[in-house]
Amino acid sequence: MTQAAYTQRDKGVGWITFASLMLGFAGTLTLIDGIVALAKSKFYVGDAVYVFGDVRTWGWILLIVGVLQLLAAFAVFSGSGMARWFGVGVAALNGIAQLMFMPAYPWWAMAVFAIDVLIIYALVAYGGVDYADA
């Protein structure tokens, strides 16, 4: 194995580990968003106007997406290609959900959206590297 191939493989393993951890982190944050929206909706902006629904509707959506992200975080650790694409799909779904939830808490939604973009980059750019037996 050449030095360039070894470096590429190590870089891929690092990015996939980062993506898995960030999927878990973003999933936890999204889960907390959903729980807070369901339990204490006065925490968010009061007169926010959403494309559809209200804070409680988006609380349920975020709760479900957060659980899916946590499942994807554990699945990506397995090293399968299907788990990688599931992680990309769930991160994209969470990114869209965060952008739609932006009227409630704009800076937080943008921060979680940025994490989702990094997750998608890591899984798409370095997910194809053979990292399962690294």
N, C-alpha and C. Protein backbone atom coordinates (compact mmCIF):
# COMPACT_ATOMS: atom_id res chain seq x y z
N MET A 1 0.84 -1.17 0.00
CA MET A 1 0.00 0.00 0.00
C MET A 1 0.89 1.24 0.00
N THR A 2 0.58 2.18 -0.86
CA THR A 2 1.38 3.39 -0.95
C THR A 2 1.00 4.36 0.16
N GLN A 3 1.87 5.32 0.36
CA GLN A 3 1.62 6.32 1.41
C GLN A 3 0.37 7.15 1.10
N ALA A 4 0.15 7.48 -0.18
CA ALA A 4 -1.02 8.28 -0.55
C ALA A 4 -2.31 7.51 -0.28
N ALA A 5 -2.33 6.22 -0.60
CA ALA A 5 -3.53 5.42 -0.35
C ALA A 5 -3.78 5.28 1.15
N TYR A 6 -2.72 5.10 1.92
CA TYR A 6 -2.85 4.98 3.36
C TYR A 6 -3.40 6.27 3.97
N THR A 7 -2.91 7.39 3.51
CA THR A 7 -3.38 8.68 4.00
C THR A 7 -4.84 8.90 3.65
N GLN A 8 -5.23 8.55 2.42
CA GLN A 8 -6.62 8.70 2.00
C GLN A 8 -7.55 7.83 2.86
N ARG A 9 -7.10 6.62 3.17
CA ARG A 9 -7.91 5.72 3.99
C ARG A 9 -8.05 6.27 5.40
N ASP A 10 -6.96 6.76 5.97
CA ASP A 10 -7.03 7.33 7.31
C ASP A 10 -7.93 8.56 7.35
N LYS A 11 -7.83 9.36 6.32
CA LYS A 11 -8.67 10.55 6.24
C LYS A 11 -10.15 10.15 6.16
N GLY A 12 -10.43 9.11 5.39
CA GLY A 12 -11.80 8.63 5.28
C GLY A 12 -12.34 8.10 6.58
N VAL A 13 -11.52 7.35 7.32
CA VAL A 13 -11.95 6.82 8.61
C VAL A 13 -12.23 7.96 9.57
N GLY A 14 -11.40 8.97 9.57
CA GLY A 14 -11.61 10.12 10.45
C GLY A 14 -12.90 10.85 10.13
N TRP A 15 -13.15 11.08 8.85
CA TRP A 15 -14.36 11.79 8.46
C TRP A 15 -15.62 10.97 8.75
N ILE A 16 -15.55 9.65 8.56
CA ILE A 16 -16.71 8.83 8.83
C ILE A 16 -16.98 8.77 10.34
N THR A 17 -15.94 8.71 11.13
CA THR A 17 -16.11 8.75 12.58
C THR A 17 -16.71 10.10 13.00
N PHE A 18 -16.21 11.17 12.40
CA PHE A 18 -16.76 12.51 12.66
C PHE A 18 -18.23 12.56 12.28
N ALA A 19 -18.57 12.01 11.10
CA ALA A 19 -19.97 12.03 10.65
C ALA A 19 -20.87 11.25 11.59
N SER A 20 -20.39 10.10 12.07
CA SER A 20 -21.18 9.29 13.00
C SER A 20 -21.42 10.04 14.31
N LEU A 21 -20.37 10.63 14.83
CA LEU A 21 -20.51 11.38 16.08
C LEU A 21 -21.40 12.60 15.91
N MET A 22 -21.25 13.29 14.79
CA MET A 22 -22.08 14.46 14.54
C MET A 22 -23.53 14.09 14.27
N LEU A 23 -23.77 12.93 13.64
CA LEU A 23 -25.14 12.46 13.47
C LEU A 23 -25.79 12.25 14.84
N GLY A 24 -25.03 11.65 15.75
CA GLY A 24 -25.55 11.46 17.11
C GLY A 24 -25.77 12.77 17.83
N PHE A 25 -24.84 13.70 17.66
CA PHE A 25 -24.95 15.01 18.30
C PHE A 25 -26.13 15.80 17.73
N ALA A 26 -26.24 15.85 16.41
CA ALA A 26 -27.35 16.58 15.77
C ALA A 26 -28.68 15.91 16.09
N GLY A 27 -28.68 14.57 16.16
CA GLY A 27 -29.90 13.86 16.52
C GLY A 27 -30.35 14.19 17.93
N THR A 28 -29.39 14.28 18.84
CA THR A 28 -29.70 14.64 20.22
C THR A 28 -30.24 16.06 20.30
N LEU A 29 -29.60 16.99 19.58
CA LEU A 29 -30.08 18.38 19.58
C LEU A 29 -31.48 18.48 18.98
N THR A 30 -31.72 17.75 17.91
CA THR A 30 -33.03 17.78 17.27
C THR A 30 -34.08 17.14 18.16
N LEU A 31 -33.72 16.08 18.84
CA LEU A 31 -34.62 15.44 19.79
C LEU A 31 -34.99 16.40 20.91
N ILE A 32 -34.00 17.13 21.42
CA ILE A 32 -34.27 18.12 22.47
C ILE A 32 -35.17 19.23 21.93
N ASP A 33 -34.91 19.68 20.69
CA ASP A 33 -35.78 20.68 20.06
C ASP A 33 -37.23 20.21 20.04
N GLY A 34 -37.43 18.97 19.64
CA GLY A 34 -38.78 18.43 19.55
C GLY A 34 -39.45 18.32 20.90
N ILE A 35 -38.71 17.86 21.90
CA ILE A 35 -39.28 17.72 23.24
C ILE A 35 -39.65 19.08 23.81
N VAL A 36 -38.77 20.06 23.64
CA VAL A 36 -39.06 21.41 24.15
C VAL A 36 -40.24 22.02 23.42
N ALA A 37 -40.34 21.80 22.13
CA ALA A 37 -41.47 22.34 21.37
C ALA A 37 -42.79 21.71 21.82
N LEU A 38 -42.74 20.45 22.21
CA LEU A 38 -43.96 19.80 22.68
C LEU A 38 -44.30 20.15 24.12
N ALA A 39 -43.29 20.28 24.97
CA ALA A 39 -43.52 20.48 26.39
C ALA A 39 -43.72 21.94 26.78
N LYS A 40 -42.88 22.82 26.25
CA LYS A 40 -42.91 24.22 26.68
C LYS A 40 -42.72 25.09 25.45
N SER A 41 -43.77 25.27 24.69
CA SER A 41 -43.65 25.99 23.43
C SER A 41 -43.41 27.48 23.61
N LYS A 42 -43.50 28.03 24.82
CA LYS A 42 -43.20 29.44 25.05
C LYS A 42 -41.71 29.73 25.00
N PHE A 43 -40.89 28.70 24.94
CA PHE A 43 -39.44 28.86 24.85
C PHE A 43 -39.06 29.47 23.50
N TYR A 44 -39.81 29.15 22.48
CA TYR A 44 -39.52 29.63 21.12
C TYR A 44 -40.20 30.96 20.86
N VAL A 45 -39.88 31.58 19.73
CA VAL A 45 -40.45 32.87 19.34
C VAL A 45 -41.98 32.76 19.32
N GLY A 46 -42.64 33.72 19.95
CA GLY A 46 -44.08 33.64 20.14
C GLY A 46 -44.92 33.78 18.89
N ASP A 47 -44.62 34.75 18.05
CA ASP A 47 -45.47 35.02 16.90
C ASP A 47 -44.87 34.46 15.61
N ALA A 48 -44.19 33.36 15.69
CA ALA A 48 -43.55 32.77 14.50
C ALA A 48 -44.62 32.25 13.55
N VAL A 49 -44.39 32.50 12.27
CA VAL A 49 -45.29 32.03 11.22
C VAL A 49 -44.58 30.92 10.46
N TYR A 50 -45.19 29.76 10.39
CA TYR A 50 -44.59 28.60 9.74
C TYR A 50 -45.24 28.38 8.39
N VAL A 51 -44.58 27.62 7.53
CA VAL A 51 -45.15 27.30 6.23
C VAL A 51 -46.43 26.50 6.42
N PHE A 52 -46.38 25.51 7.31
CA PHE A 52 -47.59 24.80 7.70
C PHE A 52 -47.45 24.36 9.15
N GLY A 53 -48.58 24.22 9.81
CA GLY A 53 -48.57 23.76 11.19
C GLY A 53 -48.20 24.85 12.18
N ASP A 54 -47.95 24.40 13.40
CA ASP A 54 -47.54 25.31 14.46
C ASP A 54 -46.33 24.70 15.17
N VAL A 55 -45.98 25.27 16.33
CA VAL A 55 -44.81 24.80 17.06
C VAL A 55 -44.97 23.33 17.48
N ARG A 56 -46.14 22.94 17.90
CA ARG A 56 -46.35 21.56 18.33
C ARG A 56 -46.22 20.58 17.15
N THR A 57 -46.71 20.95 15.99
CA THR A 57 -46.56 20.10 14.81
C THR A 57 -45.09 19.91 14.48
N TRP A 58 -44.34 20.99 14.50
CA TRP A 58 -42.91 20.90 14.23
C TRP A 58 -42.16 20.20 15.34
N GLY A 59 -42.69 20.25 16.54
CA GLY A 59 -42.10 19.49 17.64
C GLY A 59 -42.15 17.99 17.36
N TRP A 60 -43.29 17.51 16.87
CA TRP A 60 -43.41 16.09 16.53
C TRP A 60 -42.50 15.72 15.37
N ILE A 61 -42.44 16.60 14.37
CA ILE A 61 -41.59 16.33 13.20
C ILE A 61 -40.13 16.24 13.65
N LEU A 62 -39.69 17.19 14.46
CA LEU A 62 -38.30 17.19 14.93
C LEU A 62 -38.01 16.00 15.84
N LEU A 63 -38.97 15.61 16.63
CA LEU A 63 -38.79 14.45 17.49
C LEU A 63 -38.54 13.18 16.65
N ILE A 64 -39.32 12.99 15.62
CA ILE A 64 -39.17 11.82 14.75
C ILE A 64 -37.85 11.87 13.98
N VAL A 65 -37.51 13.04 13.46
CA VAL A 65 -36.25 13.17 12.71
C VAL A 65 -35.05 12.96 13.64
N GLY A 66 -35.15 13.44 14.88
CA GLY A 66 -34.07 13.23 15.85
C GLY A 66 -33.84 11.76 16.15
N VAL A 67 -34.91 11.00 16.30
CA VAL A 67 -34.78 9.56 16.53
C VAL A 67 -34.15 8.88 15.31
N LEU A 68 -34.57 9.28 14.11
CA LEU A 68 -33.98 8.72 12.89
C LEU A 68 -32.49 9.03 12.80
N GLN A 69 -32.10 10.23 13.19
CA GLN A 69 -30.68 10.57 13.16
C GLN A 69 -29.88 9.76 14.17
N LEU A 70 -30.42 9.52 15.33
CA LEU A 70 -29.72 8.68 16.29
C LEU A 70 -29.56 7.26 15.77
N LEU A 71 -30.60 6.74 15.12
CA LEU A 71 -30.48 5.40 14.51
C LEU A 71 -29.43 5.40 13.41
N ALA A 72 -29.39 6.46 12.61
CA ALA A 72 -28.41 6.55 11.53
C ALA A 72 -26.99 6.64 12.09
N ALA A 73 -26.82 7.31 13.21
CA ALA A 73 -25.49 7.42 13.82
C ALA A 73 -24.94 6.05 14.19
N PHE A 74 -25.79 5.21 14.77
CA PHE A 74 -25.35 3.86 15.12
C PHE A 74 -25.15 3.01 13.87
N ALA A 75 -25.97 3.22 12.85
CA ALA A 75 -25.86 2.42 11.64
C ALA A 75 -24.60 2.74 10.85
N VAL A 76 -24.18 3.99 10.83
CA VAL A 76 -22.99 4.38 10.08
C VAL A 76 -21.75 3.71 10.66
N PHE A 77 -21.74 3.49 11.97
CA PHE A 77 -20.61 2.79 12.59
C PHE A 77 -20.44 1.36 12.06
N SER A 78 -21.53 0.78 11.54
CA SER A 78 -21.45 -0.59 11.03
C SER A 78 -20.61 -0.68 9.76
N GLY A 79 -20.55 0.40 9.00
CA GLY A 79 -19.70 0.44 7.81
C GLY A 79 -20.38 0.05 6.52
N SER A 80 -21.67 -0.15 6.53
CA SER A 80 -22.34 -0.54 5.28
C SER A 80 -22.66 0.68 4.42
N GLY A 81 -22.72 0.44 3.12
CA GLY A 81 -23.05 1.52 2.20
C GLY A 81 -24.48 1.99 2.36
N MET A 82 -25.37 1.07 2.69
CA MET A 82 -26.78 1.44 2.90
C MET A 82 -26.91 2.38 4.10
N ALA A 83 -26.16 2.10 5.16
CA ALA A 83 -26.19 2.97 6.33
C ALA A 83 -25.67 4.36 5.99
N ARG A 84 -24.65 4.40 5.14
CA ARG A 84 -24.09 5.69 4.72
C ARG A 84 -25.14 6.52 4.00
N TRP A 85 -25.86 5.92 3.07
CA TRP A 85 -26.88 6.67 2.34
C TRP A 85 -28.09 6.99 3.21
N PHE A 86 -28.39 6.13 4.17
CA PHE A 86 -29.44 6.43 5.14
C PHE A 86 -29.05 7.66 5.96
N GLY A 87 -27.77 7.73 6.35
CA GLY A 87 -27.27 8.89 7.09
C GLY A 87 -27.34 10.17 6.27
N VAL A 88 -27.00 10.07 4.98
CA VAL A 88 -27.10 11.24 4.10
C VAL A 88 -28.55 11.70 3.99
N GLY A 89 -29.45 10.76 3.80
CA GLY A 89 -30.87 11.10 3.67
C GLY A 89 -31.44 11.73 4.93
N VAL A 90 -31.10 11.16 6.07
CA VAL A 90 -31.62 11.69 7.33
C VAL A 90 -31.02 13.05 7.64
N ALA A 91 -29.73 13.24 7.35
CA ALA A 91 -29.11 14.55 7.56
C ALA A 91 -29.73 15.60 6.65
N ALA A 92 -30.02 15.23 5.41
CA ALA A 92 -30.69 16.16 4.50
C ALA A 92 -32.10 16.47 4.98
N LEU A 93 -32.81 15.45 5.45
CA LEU A 93 -34.16 15.66 5.98
C LEU A 93 -34.12 16.58 7.20
N ASN A 94 -33.15 16.39 8.07
CA ASN A 94 -33.02 17.26 9.24
C ASN A 94 -32.64 18.68 8.83
N GLY A 95 -31.80 18.82 7.81
CA GLY A 95 -31.45 20.15 7.33
C GLY A 95 -32.66 20.91 6.83
N ILE A 96 -33.51 20.21 6.07
CA ILE A 96 -34.74 20.84 5.58
C ILE A 96 -35.67 21.16 6.74
N ALA A 97 -35.80 20.24 7.68
CA ALA A 97 -36.67 20.48 8.84
C ALA A 97 -36.17 21.67 9.66
N GLN A 98 -34.86 21.78 9.82
CA GLN A 98 -34.31 22.91 10.58
C GLN A 98 -34.57 24.24 9.86
N LEU A 99 -34.45 24.23 8.54
CA LEU A 99 -34.74 25.46 7.80
C LEU A 99 -36.21 25.84 7.89
N MET A 100 -37.08 24.84 7.93
CA MET A 100 -38.51 25.12 8.06
C MET A 100 -38.86 25.56 9.49
N PHE A 101 -38.06 25.15 10.47
CA PHE A 101 -38.29 25.49 11.87
C PHE A 101 -37.60 26.80 12.26
N MET A 102 -36.93 27.42 11.30
CA MET A 102 -36.15 28.62 11.57
C MET A 102 -36.95 29.78 12.17
N PRO A 103 -38.22 29.98 11.85
CA PRO A 103 -38.95 31.09 12.49
C PRO A 103 -39.02 30.97 14.01
N ALA A 104 -38.90 29.77 14.55
CA ALA A 104 -39.02 29.59 15.99
C ALA A 104 -37.74 29.95 16.73
N TYR A 105 -36.58 29.61 16.16
CA TYR A 105 -35.31 29.81 16.85
C TYR A 105 -34.21 29.87 15.79
N PRO A 106 -34.04 31.03 15.14
CA PRO A 106 -33.22 31.11 13.93
C PRO A 106 -31.75 30.74 14.08
N TRP A 107 -31.06 31.23 15.08
CA TRP A 107 -29.62 30.96 15.20
C TRP A 107 -29.35 29.50 15.50
N TRP A 108 -30.17 28.90 16.33
CA TRP A 108 -30.01 27.49 16.67
C TRP A 108 -30.26 26.62 15.43
N ALA A 109 -31.30 26.96 14.69
CA ALA A 109 -31.63 26.19 13.49
C ALA A 109 -30.50 26.28 12.46
N MET A 110 -29.89 27.44 12.32
CA MET A 110 -28.78 27.59 11.37
C MET A 110 -27.55 26.81 11.83
N ALA A 111 -27.30 26.76 13.13
CA ALA A 111 -26.16 26.00 13.66
C ALA A 111 -26.34 24.51 13.39
N VAL A 112 -27.52 23.98 13.64
CA VAL A 112 -27.78 22.56 13.40
C VAL A 112 -27.76 22.27 11.89
N PHE A 113 -28.24 23.21 11.08
CA PHE A 113 -28.18 23.05 9.63
C PHE A 113 -26.72 22.96 9.15
N ALA A 114 -25.85 23.77 9.72
CA ALA A 114 -24.43 23.72 9.36
C ALA A 114 -23.82 22.36 9.73
N ILE A 115 -24.20 21.81 10.86
CA ILE A 115 -23.73 20.48 11.25
C ILE A 115 -24.21 19.45 10.23
N ASP A 116 -25.45 19.57 9.79
CA ASP A 116 -26.00 18.63 8.80
C ASP A 116 -25.24 18.71 7.48
N VAL A 117 -24.85 19.90 7.08
CA VAL A 117 -24.08 20.05 5.84
C VAL A 117 -22.73 19.34 5.97
N LEU A 118 -22.06 19.48 7.10
CA LEU A 118 -20.79 18.78 7.32
C LEU A 118 -20.97 17.26 7.33
N ILE A 119 -22.06 16.79 7.91
CA ILE A 119 -22.34 15.35 7.91
C ILE A 119 -22.50 14.84 6.50
N ILE A 120 -23.27 15.56 5.70
CA ILE A 120 -23.50 15.13 4.31
C ILE A 120 -22.18 15.14 3.54
N TYR A 121 -21.36 16.16 3.73
CA TYR A 121 -20.06 16.20 3.07
C TYR A 121 -19.20 15.00 3.45
N ALA A 122 -19.13 14.72 4.73
CA ALA A 122 -18.29 13.61 5.20
C ALA A 122 -18.75 12.29 4.64
N LEU A 123 -20.05 12.04 4.63
CA LEU A 123 -20.56 10.76 4.17
C LEU A 123 -20.47 10.60 2.66
N VAL A 124 -20.65 11.68 1.93
CA VAL A 124 -20.59 11.58 0.47
C VAL A 124 -19.15 11.55 -0.02
N ALA A 125 -18.30 12.40 0.52
CA ALA A 125 -16.92 12.50 0.03
C ALA A 125 -16.05 11.34 0.49
N TYR A 126 -16.25 10.86 1.71
CA TYR A 126 -15.35 9.84 2.26
C TYR A 126 -16.04 8.54 2.63
N GLY A 127 -17.33 8.43 2.38
CA GLY A 127 -18.05 7.21 2.73
C GLY A 127 -17.72 6.04 1.84
N GLY A 128 -17.20 6.29 0.63
CA GLY A 128 -16.88 5.22 -0.29
C GLY A 128 -15.56 4.56 -0.01
N VAL A 129 -14.74 5.17 0.85
CA VAL A 129 -13.45 4.59 1.20
C VAL A 129 -13.71 3.33 2.02
N ASP A 130 -12.95 2.28 1.73
CA ASP A 130 -13.13 1.02 2.46
C ASP A 130 -12.64 1.20 3.89
N TYR A 131 -13.56 1.52 4.79
CA TYR A 131 -13.18 1.79 6.16
C TYR A 131 -13.71 0.74 7.13
N ALA A 132 -14.45 -0.22 6.64
CA ALA A 132 -15.09 -1.17 7.54
C ALA A 132 -14.09 -2.01 8.31
N ASP A 133 -12.94 -2.34 7.73
CA ASP A 133 -11.96 -3.17 8.42
C ASP A 133 -10.72 -2.38 8.81
N ALA A 134 -10.88 -1.05 9.01
CA ALA A 134 -9.74 -0.22 9.40
C ALA A 134 -9.47 -0.32 10.87
